[in-house]
């Protein structure tokens, strides 16, 4: 093989490794427990609470689901076993290292928290986190979402499903219909 061809082959392999590894790591999500199971494990770990976001995060030690509750408590769940590992938030850590401390939401944030809790509890028949992820992926023609969040946008409750490339799909939580898609480019 000529030196020029070797250089081109090496560059091609490097580009494949650099740009193929992140999607492969996210597609490994198929081996992981789903967003719903992570939310259930986190709720059981706490004893109660209203989940508004489940996010698959890459931490120093690997991937973890970060399950966020409306009261700012976050519970970290092992994506393979589905076991809740520890929590962080107001009042410090529980069951593991870290902890941010803090107190109740001040002023405007407490109003936002109350609205979100009210909107979520007022819609008990909504689709699940996994169903929202599946519908968003079907709308896009595939993909592996990194997080699913229930949030208030433009005055109404929506699911926001985010993908590795930054694409966001917004869905009606009652029906699963897609409101729209935002791409980062």
Protein backbone atom coordinates (compact mmCIF):
# COMPACT_ATOMS: atom_id res chain seq x y z
CA UNK A 1 0.00 0.00 0.00
CA UNK A 2 1.30 3.44 -0.90
CA UNK A 3 2.05 5.93 1.91
CA UNK A 4 -0.71 8.25 0.65
CA UNK A 5 -3.28 5.44 0.72
CA UNK A 6 -2.16 4.43 4.23
CA UNK A 7 -2.64 7.99 5.44
CA UNK A 8 -6.11 8.14 3.88
CA UNK A 9 -7.01 4.77 5.39
CA UNK A 10 -5.78 5.89 8.82
CA UNK A 11 -7.74 9.13 8.62
CA UNK A 12 -10.87 7.22 7.56
CA UNK A 13 -10.57 4.83 10.50
CA UNK A 14 -10.01 7.71 12.93
CA UNK A 15 -13.06 9.55 11.60
CA UNK A 16 -15.17 6.41 11.89
CA UNK A 17 -14.05 5.87 15.47
CA UNK A 18 -14.57 9.51 16.45
CA UNK A 19 -18.01 9.83 14.90
CA UNK A 20 -19.32 6.27 15.24
CA UNK A 21 -18.58 5.72 18.94
CA UNK A 22 -21.13 8.17 20.41
CA UNK A 23 -24.07 6.68 18.45
CA UNK A 24 -22.92 3.17 19.35
CA UNK A 25 -22.82 4.11 23.04
CA UNK A 26 -26.32 5.56 22.84
CA UNK A 27 -27.67 2.64 20.81
CA UNK A 28 -26.49 0.44 23.69
CA UNK A 29 -29.52 1.95 25.43
CA UNK A 30 -31.39 -1.06 24.02
CA UNK A 31 -29.62 -3.10 26.74
CA UNK A 32 -30.62 -0.58 29.38
CA UNK A 33 -33.79 -0.48 31.39
CA UNK A 34 -36.16 2.07 29.89
CA UNK A 35 -36.98 5.60 30.97
CA UNK A 36 -40.13 4.37 32.76
CA UNK A 37 -38.32 1.72 34.79
CA UNK A 38 -35.69 4.27 35.83
CA UNK A 39 -38.48 6.64 36.96
CA UNK A 40 -40.19 3.84 38.91
CA UNK A 41 -36.94 2.83 40.64
CA UNK A 42 -36.21 6.45 41.58
CA UNK A 43 -39.72 6.97 42.96
CA UNK A 44 -39.48 3.76 44.99
CA UNK A 45 -36.07 4.86 46.32
CA UNK A 46 -37.55 8.16 47.51
CA UNK A 47 -40.88 6.75 48.62
CA UNK A 48 -42.89 9.34 46.64
CA UNK A 49 -42.56 12.33 44.34
CA UNK A 50 -43.44 13.63 40.90
CA UNK A 51 -40.93 12.82 38.15
CA UNK A 52 -40.61 15.40 35.41
CA UNK A 53 -37.38 14.37 33.63
CA UNK A 54 -35.41 11.19 32.97
CA UNK A 55 -32.01 11.69 31.36
CA UNK A 56 -29.35 9.21 30.29
CA UNK A 57 -26.08 10.91 31.29
CA UNK A 58 -22.49 9.90 30.71
CA UNK A 59 -20.67 10.24 34.02
CA UNK A 60 -17.01 9.55 34.86
CA UNK A 61 -17.82 5.95 35.74
CA UNK A 62 -20.13 5.28 32.78
CA UNK A 63 -23.77 5.93 32.02
CA UNK A 64 -26.44 6.68 34.64
CA UNK A 65 -30.07 7.67 34.45
CA UNK A 66 -30.61 10.98 36.23
CA UNK A 67 -34.23 11.12 37.34
CA UNK A 68 -35.39 14.60 38.30
CA UNK A 69 -38.35 15.33 40.54
CA UNK A 70 -40.33 18.56 40.68
CA UNK A 71 -38.94 19.31 44.17
CA UNK A 72 -35.36 19.40 42.76
CA UNK A 73 -34.36 16.01 44.14
CA UNK A 74 -32.38 13.95 41.64
CA UNK A 75 -32.05 10.17 41.91
CA UNK A 76 -29.37 8.32 39.97
CA UNK A 77 -30.28 4.91 38.57
CA UNK A 78 -28.01 2.23 37.12
CA UNK A 79 -29.13 1.82 33.49
CA UNK A 80 -28.32 -1.90 33.32
CA UNK A 81 -29.73 -3.21 36.62
CA UNK A 82 -32.38 -0.52 37.14
CA UNK A 83 -31.27 -0.08 40.76
CA UNK A 84 -31.43 3.37 42.33
CA UNK A 85 -27.94 4.26 43.56
CA UNK A 86 -28.18 7.62 45.38
CA UNK A 87 -29.95 10.96 45.37
CA UNK A 88 -28.94 14.61 45.52
CA UNK A 89 -30.78 17.83 46.09
CA UNK A 90 -32.14 20.02 48.84
CA UNK A 91 -31.05 18.61 52.17
CA UNK A 92 -27.89 16.98 50.83
CA UNK A 93 -27.07 13.51 49.53
CA UNK A 94 -28.77 10.25 50.41
CA UNK A 95 -27.22 6.87 49.80
CA UNK A 96 -24.12 8.06 47.96
CA UNK A 97 -21.46 10.71 47.43
CA UNK A 98 -22.09 14.31 46.45
CA UNK A 99 -25.01 16.53 47.30
CA UNK A 100 -25.72 20.09 46.49
CA UNK A 101 -27.57 21.13 49.59
CA UNK A 102 -29.90 24.05 49.23
CA UNK A 103 -33.38 24.84 50.39
CA UNK A 104 -36.83 25.46 49.03
CA UNK A 105 -37.33 27.22 45.71
CA UNK A 106 -37.12 30.97 46.13
CA UNK A 107 -39.93 33.17 44.72
CA UNK A 108 -40.43 32.70 40.98
CA UNK A 109 -39.02 29.17 40.94
CA UNK A 110 -41.53 27.98 43.55
CA UNK A 111 -44.37 29.25 41.35
CA UNK A 112 -42.92 27.40 38.34
CA UNK A 113 -42.54 24.25 40.45
CA UNK A 114 -46.15 24.47 41.65
CA UNK A 115 -47.46 24.97 38.09
CA UNK A 116 -45.49 21.98 36.82
CA UNK A 117 -46.69 19.74 39.66
CA UNK A 118 -50.28 20.86 39.10
CA UNK A 119 -50.09 20.26 35.33
CA UNK A 120 -48.56 16.79 35.74
CA UNK A 121 -51.03 15.62 38.40
CA UNK A 122 -53.97 17.03 36.38
CA UNK A 123 -53.14 14.65 33.51
CA UNK A 124 -53.09 11.13 35.00
CA UNK A 125 -53.84 9.44 31.65
CA UNK A 126 -50.77 10.76 29.86
CA UNK A 127 -48.47 8.57 27.79
CA UNK A 128 -45.38 7.25 29.56
CA UNK A 129 -41.77 8.43 29.19
CA UNK A 130 -40.97 5.33 27.09
CA UNK A 131 -44.03 5.87 24.87
CA UNK A 132 -43.02 9.50 24.31
CA UNK A 133 -39.49 8.40 23.35
CA UNK A 134 -40.84 5.73 20.98
CA UNK A 135 -43.27 8.13 19.27
CA UNK A 136 -40.59 10.79 18.85
CA UNK A 137 -38.18 8.23 17.37
CA UNK A 138 -40.88 6.95 15.01
CA UNK A 139 -41.56 10.52 13.88
CA UNK A 140 -37.85 11.07 13.17
CA UNK A 141 -37.47 7.67 11.49
CA UNK A 142 -35.19 6.30 14.23
CA UNK A 143 -32.68 7.46 16.79
CA UNK A 144 -31.89 6.97 20.46
CA UNK A 145 -33.16 9.67 22.80
CA UNK A 146 -30.92 10.82 25.64
CA UNK A 147 -33.64 12.41 27.74
CA UNK A 148 -37.39 12.77 28.07
CA UNK A 149 -38.84 15.69 30.01
CA UNK A 150 -42.33 16.79 31.00
CA UNK A 151 -42.29 20.58 31.01
CA UNK A 152 -44.46 23.59 30.52
CA UNK A 153 -43.83 25.31 27.21
CA UNK A 154 -45.98 28.10 25.80
CA UNK A 155 -48.32 27.69 28.76
CA UNK A 156 -49.04 23.99 28.32
CA UNK A 157 -47.60 20.66 29.42
CA UNK A 158 -45.48 18.94 26.76
CA UNK A 159 -43.02 16.08 26.47
CA UNK A 160 -39.62 17.22 25.17
CA UNK A 161 -37.57 14.32 23.82
CA UNK A 162 -33.91 15.18 23.16
CA UNK A 163 -31.41 13.29 21.01
CA UNK A 164 -27.61 13.12 21.02
CA UNK A 165 -27.33 15.59 18.13
CA UNK A 166 -29.44 18.15 20.01
CA UNK A 167 -32.66 17.53 18.06
CA UNK A 168 -35.75 18.05 20.22
CA UNK A 169 -39.20 16.62 19.54
CA UNK A 170 -42.22 18.09 21.34
CA UNK A 171 -45.26 15.91 21.96
CA UNK A 172 -48.74 16.21 23.40
CA UNK A 173 -48.54 14.16 26.65
CA UNK A 174 -52.21 13.13 26.45
CA UNK A 175 -52.22 11.83 22.86
CA UNK A 176 -48.57 11.46 21.85
CA UNK A 177 -49.12 13.66 18.79
CA UNK A 178 -46.03 15.56 17.69
CA UNK A 179 -46.28 19.34 18.08
CA UNK A 180 -42.97 20.06 16.39
CA UNK A 181 -39.27 19.35 15.97
CA UNK A 182 -36.33 21.65 16.65
CA UNK A 183 -32.94 20.89 15.17
CA UNK A 184 -29.69 22.50 16.31
CA UNK A 185 -28.66 23.41 12.77
